[in-house]
Amino acid sequence: MEILDAGKEARERLHLVHETCYTYSQPVQFTPHRLVLRPREGHDVHLRFMNLETTPVSKIRWYRDILDNSIAVAEFSEPAKELIIRSEFVIGLPPALDGEQPRILVPYPSQLEGIDELAAVPFRQFTYPAEIGRLRRWFDDSGVGATHGALRPIFDDLAAWIRTSIRYNRREESGVQSPVETIQLSSGSCRDMAVLMIEVSRSLGYPARFVSGYMESSNSKVGRGSTHAWAEIYLPDHGWTGFDPSIGSRIGPGHVAVGVSHHPRGVMPVTGGYTGPAGVTSLLKVSLSTRRFLPQVEQHSQP
């Protein structure tokens, strides 16, 4: 039990268990697996506990990549017909905000100077450069971000517009759709909607990045959750600000980021392979559960 100083408010905590299970028709030898599963800590998120384990047992080493994500590499020595990767953690959540968040008004066009301008270069580069003209026309036709003097509520409105115009589709296929494909189909997964918002934001001159993580939901509370993705836009005076177009709003305390990248392939939760006999088949199953609780607080009497 953690002992807190008297008078301090106990942060609400989120307990999360993420399990990925691969089942194979024959024993296989696993290559090293790259795991992006550790929550990104900061002033708003405090990691209180984490355990990462695999079956079969692996040797796990950690490092930080060029984007400051915590990466685990699991190295296996024995073959198996099943691979289970289980991540469990507890984080302290930021206090919930009272009432609806006001829309963020930003200058248009984007205004970055000095070191921000240099650091933003990778996050302004398009993943789908051939589609930028089509995306700008789609944005202009949407009427998003009506003018408020010299400032515009572009990104709150853009997240809401994507949620309105694109139907959420929990696709099981790996990878992402191109933004134009998502618009043409009028449907996409959370990662498809995130990429759409990122590319539109870049077409307007704003740095944007892809975020991989989790979102507490009604499904996760009963053990049927899944990984999640959203977008972050860099806004002067606000910094990296998360927007989730799959729900049409800014992110909240139920969003837990584990990795950020200028490209969605950079933060896939599990990346790895195997070697084995020809004709091996495999089956993937992912489960995610969440639970909220308040830590007990022990009050100290004053002398």
Protein backbone atom coordinates (compact mmCIF):
# COMPACT_ATOMS: atom_id res chain seq x y z
CA MET A 1 0.00 0.00 0.00
CA GLU A 2 1.30 3.44 -0.92
CA ILE A 3 1.30 6.03 1.88
CA LEU A 4 0.40 9.53 0.75
CA ASP A 5 0.89 12.76 2.67
CA ALA A 6 -2.17 14.02 4.50
CA GLY A 7 -4.25 16.43 2.47
CA LYS A 8 -2.93 15.23 -0.90
CA GLU A 9 -5.52 14.09 -3.39
CA ALA A 10 -5.12 10.45 -4.45
CA ARG A 11 -4.95 10.06 -8.21
CA GLU A 12 -7.38 7.65 -9.79
CA ARG A 13 -5.53 4.70 -11.28
CA LEU A 14 -6.01 2.51 -14.31
CA HIS A 15 -5.02 -1.17 -14.29
CA LEU A 16 -4.60 -2.64 -17.77
CA VAL A 17 -3.78 -6.15 -19.03
CA HIS A 18 -2.95 -6.68 -22.72
CA GLU A 19 -2.38 -10.23 -23.94
CA THR A 20 -1.42 -11.27 -27.47
CA CYS A 21 -1.50 -14.99 -28.30
CA TYR A 22 -0.19 -16.61 -31.51
CA THR A 23 -1.01 -20.30 -32.02
CA TYR A 24 0.82 -22.34 -34.71
CA SER A 25 0.00 -25.69 -36.29
CA GLN A 26 3.58 -26.90 -35.69
CA PRO A 27 6.45 -25.81 -33.44
CA VAL A 28 8.34 -22.79 -34.82
CA GLN A 29 11.44 -20.83 -33.83
CA PHE A 30 10.75 -17.18 -33.04
CA THR A 31 12.92 -14.34 -34.27
CA PRO A 32 13.47 -11.35 -31.92
CA HIS A 33 10.21 -9.48 -31.35
CA ARG A 34 10.00 -5.68 -31.03
CA LEU A 35 7.37 -4.67 -28.46
CA VAL A 36 5.90 -1.16 -28.07
CA LEU A 37 3.85 -1.73 -24.92
CA ARG A 38 5.17 0.54 -22.14
CA PRO A 39 3.09 3.66 -21.40
CA ARG A 40 4.70 7.01 -22.18
CA GLU A 41 5.20 8.74 -18.84
CA GLY A 42 5.16 12.45 -18.10
CA HIS A 43 3.54 15.19 -16.03
CA ASP A 44 0.10 13.76 -16.84
CA VAL A 45 0.69 9.99 -16.67
CA HIS A 46 2.60 8.25 -13.85
CA LEU A 47 3.57 4.59 -14.26
CA ARG A 48 3.15 2.85 -10.88
CA PHE A 49 3.76 -0.77 -11.88
CA MET A 50 4.54 -2.79 -15.01
CA ASN A 51 5.21 -6.44 -15.79
CA LEU A 52 6.03 -7.78 -19.25
CA GLU A 53 6.43 -11.51 -19.77
CA THR A 54 6.32 -14.05 -22.59
CA THR A 55 5.61 -17.76 -23.01
CA PRO A 56 7.95 -19.35 -23.94
CA VAL A 57 10.29 -17.40 -21.68
CA SER A 58 12.43 -14.82 -23.45
CA LYS A 59 15.31 -12.55 -22.60
CA ILE A 60 13.96 -8.98 -22.66
CA ARG A 61 16.09 -5.88 -23.08
CA TRP A 62 14.90 -2.27 -23.20
CA TYR A 63 16.02 0.80 -25.12
CA ARG A 64 14.64 4.18 -26.20
CA ASP A 65 14.27 4.80 -29.92
CA ILE A 66 14.95 8.09 -31.73
CA LEU A 67 11.43 9.32 -30.85
CA ASP A 68 11.96 8.53 -27.14
CA ASN A 69 9.60 5.56 -27.13
CA SER A 70 10.44 2.74 -24.69
CA ILE A 71 11.05 -0.36 -26.81
CA ALA A 72 11.38 -3.93 -25.51
CA VAL A 73 13.16 -6.58 -27.57
CA ALA A 74 12.26 -10.19 -26.67
CA GLU A 75 14.78 -12.86 -27.72
CA PHE A 76 13.70 -16.52 -27.68
CA SER A 77 15.88 -19.61 -27.40
CA GLU A 78 13.37 -22.47 -27.70
CA PRO A 79 10.73 -23.36 -30.31
CA ALA A 80 7.04 -23.62 -29.42
CA LYS A 81 3.57 -24.01 -30.91
CA GLU A 82 2.26 -21.00 -28.98
CA LEU A 83 3.59 -17.54 -28.25
CA ILE A 84 1.95 -15.43 -25.53
CA ILE A 85 3.00 -11.84 -24.84
CA ARG A 86 1.41 -10.44 -21.69
CA SER A 87 1.76 -6.82 -20.60
CA GLU A 88 0.27 -5.57 -17.32
CA PHE A 89 0.57 -2.11 -15.82
CA VAL A 90 -0.97 0.40 -13.42
CA ILE A 91 -0.82 4.13 -14.12
CA GLY A 92 -1.89 7.21 -12.19
CA LEU A 93 -4.30 9.23 -14.29
CA PRO A 94 -4.49 13.03 -14.56
CA PRO A 95 -7.48 14.63 -12.85
CA ALA A 96 -10.62 14.69 -14.96
CA LEU A 97 -11.58 18.11 -16.31
CA ASP A 98 -14.90 19.59 -15.26
CA GLY A 99 -17.31 20.26 -18.08
CA GLU A 100 -16.72 20.29 -21.83
CA GLN A 101 -13.31 21.40 -23.04
CA PRO A 102 -13.40 24.64 -25.05
CA ARG A 103 -12.24 24.35 -28.64
CA ILE A 104 -8.61 25.29 -29.23
CA LEU A 105 -8.23 28.28 -31.55
CA VAL A 106 -5.07 28.21 -33.66
CA PRO A 107 -3.46 30.60 -36.16
CA TYR A 108 -3.82 29.72 -39.81
CA PRO A 109 -1.49 29.25 -41.57
CA SER A 110 0.70 27.42 -39.07
CA GLN A 111 3.30 29.54 -37.26
CA LEU A 112 6.49 27.79 -36.11
CA GLU A 113 9.83 29.42 -35.50
CA GLY A 114 13.40 28.55 -34.55
CA ILE A 115 14.07 25.11 -33.14
CA ASP A 116 10.39 24.12 -33.43
CA GLU A 117 10.59 24.68 -37.18
CA LEU A 118 13.62 22.39 -37.49
CA ALA A 119 12.31 19.67 -35.18
CA ALA A 120 8.97 19.59 -37.01
CA VAL A 121 10.43 18.56 -40.39
CA PRO A 122 9.74 14.76 -40.12
CA PHE A 123 6.23 15.42 -38.84
CA ARG A 124 5.34 17.59 -41.84
CA GLN A 125 6.45 15.05 -44.42
CA PHE A 126 3.56 13.32 -46.14
CA THR A 127 3.08 9.57 -45.95
CA TYR A 128 0.83 9.73 -49.05
CA PRO A 129 2.16 12.73 -51.04
CA ALA A 130 0.17 11.90 -54.18
CA GLU A 131 -3.10 12.36 -52.26
CA ILE A 132 -2.46 15.79 -50.76
CA GLY A 133 -4.35 17.80 -53.39
CA ARG A 134 -7.41 15.60 -52.98
CA LEU A 135 -7.24 15.93 -49.19
CA ARG A 136 -7.00 19.73 -49.34
CA ARG A 137 -10.09 19.87 -51.55
CA TRP A 138 -11.91 17.54 -49.14
CA PHE A 139 -10.97 19.81 -46.24
CA ASP A 140 -11.97 23.00 -48.09
CA ASP A 141 -15.34 21.51 -49.05
CA SER A 142 -16.05 20.43 -45.47
CA GLY A 143 -16.31 23.95 -44.04
CA VAL A 144 -14.25 22.82 -41.04
CA GLY A 145 -12.73 25.44 -38.77
CA ALA A 146 -14.87 28.49 -39.48
CA THR A 147 -12.94 31.72 -38.99
CA HIS A 148 -12.92 33.36 -35.54
CA GLY A 149 -11.03 36.56 -36.31
CA ALA A 150 -7.41 35.61 -36.93
CA LEU A 151 -7.83 32.23 -35.20
CA ARG A 152 -9.66 29.07 -36.18
CA PRO A 153 -10.84 25.96 -34.24
CA ILE A 154 -9.44 23.73 -36.97
CA PHE A 155 -8.56 20.52 -35.17
CA ASP A 156 -11.46 20.11 -32.77
CA ASP A 157 -13.75 20.63 -35.76
CA LEU A 158 -11.68 18.32 -38.01
CA ALA A 159 -11.83 15.45 -35.49
CA ALA A 160 -15.61 15.91 -35.20
CA TRP A 161 -16.01 16.08 -39.00
CA ILE A 162 -14.09 12.84 -39.56
CA ARG A 163 -16.24 11.15 -36.92
CA THR A 164 -19.38 12.39 -38.69
CA SER A 165 -18.36 11.52 -42.25
CA ILE A 166 -16.40 8.27 -41.69
CA ARG A 167 -18.07 5.17 -40.24
CA TYR A 168 -15.94 3.29 -37.72
CA ASN A 169 -14.99 -0.19 -38.91
CA ARG A 170 -12.91 -2.44 -36.65
CA ARG A 171 -10.80 -3.99 -39.42
CA GLU A 172 -8.80 -7.11 -38.58
CA GLU A 173 -6.40 -6.68 -41.52
CA SER A 174 -2.94 -5.31 -40.75
CA GLY A 175 -1.75 -1.96 -42.09
CA VAL A 176 -3.69 1.20 -42.84
CA GLN A 177 -5.86 2.45 -45.66
CA SER A 178 -4.70 5.49 -47.57
CA PRO A 179 -6.60 8.66 -46.59
CA VAL A 180 -8.34 8.93 -49.98
CA GLU A 181 -9.41 5.28 -49.74
CA THR A 182 -10.91 6.00 -46.30
CA ILE A 183 -12.82 8.97 -47.74
CA GLN A 184 -14.05 6.97 -50.75
CA LEU A 185 -15.19 4.06 -48.58
CA SER A 186 -16.63 6.39 -45.92
CA SER A 187 -15.36 3.88 -43.35
CA GLY A 188 -12.16 2.96 -41.57
CA SER A 189 -10.56 1.72 -38.38
CA CYS A 190 -9.20 4.01 -35.67
CA ARG A 191 -5.76 3.89 -37.31
CA ASP A 192 -7.26 4.75 -40.73
CA MET A 193 -9.05 7.78 -39.26
CA ALA A 194 -5.88 8.83 -37.43
CA VAL A 195 -3.85 8.73 -40.66
CA LEU A 196 -6.54 10.73 -42.45
CA MET A 197 -6.41 13.44 -39.78
CA ILE A 198 -2.60 13.44 -39.76
CA GLU A 199 -2.27 13.87 -43.52
CA VAL A 200 -4.93 16.61 -43.67
CA SER A 201 -3.19 18.45 -40.81
CA ARG A 202 0.16 18.22 -42.60
CA SER A 203 -1.44 19.53 -45.79
CA LEU A 204 -2.37 22.64 -43.77
CA GLY A 205 1.25 23.04 -42.60
CA TYR A 206 0.90 21.66 -39.06
CA PRO A 207 3.23 18.95 -37.69
CA ALA A 208 1.33 15.75 -36.88
CA ARG A 209 2.20 12.30 -35.59
CA PHE A 210 0.63 8.86 -35.16
CA VAL A 211 -0.05 7.58 -31.63
CA SER A 212 -0.42 3.92 -30.70
CA GLY A 213 -1.90 2.93 -27.36
CA TYR A 214 -5.10 2.02 -25.57
CA MET A 215 -8.47 3.59 -24.84
CA GLU A 216 -10.58 2.62 -21.86
CA SER A 217 -14.02 1.63 -23.14
CA SER A 218 -17.10 -0.41 -22.34
CA ASN A 219 -15.44 -3.34 -24.16
CA SER A 220 -12.17 -3.07 -22.25
CA LYS A 221 -14.03 -3.03 -18.93
CA VAL A 222 -15.34 -6.53 -19.67
CA GLY A 223 -12.09 -7.88 -21.13
CA ARG A 224 -12.92 -7.43 -24.82
CA GLY A 225 -10.92 -4.30 -25.62
CA SER A 226 -8.29 -3.81 -28.32
CA THR A 227 -5.35 -1.56 -29.09
CA HIS A 228 -6.15 1.94 -30.26
CA ALA A 229 -4.67 4.74 -32.35
CA TRP A 230 -5.18 8.50 -32.66
CA ALA A 231 -3.42 11.65 -33.88
CA GLU A 232 -1.37 14.33 -32.18
CA ILE A 233 -0.98 17.78 -33.69
CA TYR A 234 1.75 20.18 -32.59
CA LEU A 235 0.18 23.50 -31.61
CA PRO A 236 2.29 26.45 -30.39
CA ASP A 237 1.54 27.26 -26.73
CA HIS A 238 -0.21 23.87 -26.36
CA GLY A 239 2.47 21.41 -27.52
CA TRP A 240 1.57 17.97 -28.83
CA THR A 241 -2.22 17.77 -28.49
CA GLY A 242 -4.12 14.51 -28.93
CA PHE A 243 -7.24 14.27 -31.10
CA ASP A 244 -9.18 11.04 -31.57
CA PRO A 245 -11.24 11.24 -34.77
CA SER A 246 -12.80 7.83 -34.08
CA ILE A 247 -14.75 9.47 -31.25
CA GLY A 248 -14.68 12.98 -32.72
CA SER A 249 -12.95 14.84 -29.90
CA ARG A 250 -9.73 15.45 -28.03
CA ILE A 251 -8.29 12.59 -26.02
CA GLY A 252 -9.08 12.19 -22.33
CA PRO A 253 -7.76 10.36 -19.23
CA GLY A 254 -8.92 7.03 -20.71
CA HIS A 255 -6.36 7.29 -23.53
CA VAL A 256 -2.98 5.73 -22.77
CA ALA A 257 -0.19 6.36 -25.30
CA VAL A 258 2.59 3.80 -25.64
CA GLY A 259 4.32 5.01 -28.81
CA VAL A 260 4.50 7.96 -31.21
CA SER A 261 5.92 8.17 -34.72
CA HIS A 262 5.77 10.22 -37.89
CA HIS A 263 4.70 6.95 -39.63
CA PRO A 264 2.15 4.38 -38.36
CA ARG A 265 4.54 1.48 -38.98
CA GLY A 266 6.97 2.92 -36.44
CA VAL A 267 4.88 2.00 -33.39
CA MET A 268 3.20 -1.31 -34.13
CA PRO A 269 2.58 -2.97 -30.72
CA VAL A 270 4.17 -6.31 -31.69
CA THR A 271 6.61 -6.87 -34.57
CA GLY A 272 8.44 -10.13 -35.18
CA GLY A 273 8.53 -13.37 -37.13
CA TYR A 274 9.35 -17.06 -37.01
CA THR A 275 11.02 -19.86 -38.95
CA GLY A 276 9.57 -23.33 -39.30
CA PRO A 277 8.35 -26.09 -41.63
CA ALA A 278 6.59 -25.19 -44.87
CA GLY A 279 2.83 -24.91 -44.61
CA VAL A 280 2.67 -23.74 -40.99
CA THR A 281 -0.60 -21.96 -40.22
CA SER A 282 -1.20 -19.53 -37.38
CA LEU A 283 -4.04 -17.98 -35.41
CA LEU A 284 -3.94 -14.64 -33.57
CA LYS A 285 -6.00 -13.70 -30.53
CA VAL A 286 -5.76 -10.40 -28.64
CA SER A 287 -7.45 -9.52 -25.35
CA LEU A 288 -7.45 -6.28 -23.39
CA SER A 289 -9.02 -5.51 -20.03
CA THR A 290 -9.07 -2.38 -17.87
CA ARG A 291 -10.13 -1.52 -14.33
CA ARG A 292 -10.13 1.80 -12.48
CA PHE A 293 -9.54 2.21 -8.76
CA LEU A 294 -8.46 4.72 -6.14
CA PRO A 295 -5.45 3.87 -3.95
CA GLN A 296 -6.02 3.77 -0.22
CA VAL A 297 -4.82 6.87 1.56
CA GLU A 298 -3.35 6.71 5.04
CA GLN A 299 -3.76 9.97 6.92
CA HIS A 300 -0.96 11.02 9.29
CA SER A 301 -1.95 12.77 12.51
CA GLN A 302 -0.37 16.16 13.09
CA PRO A 303 2.01 16.48 16.09
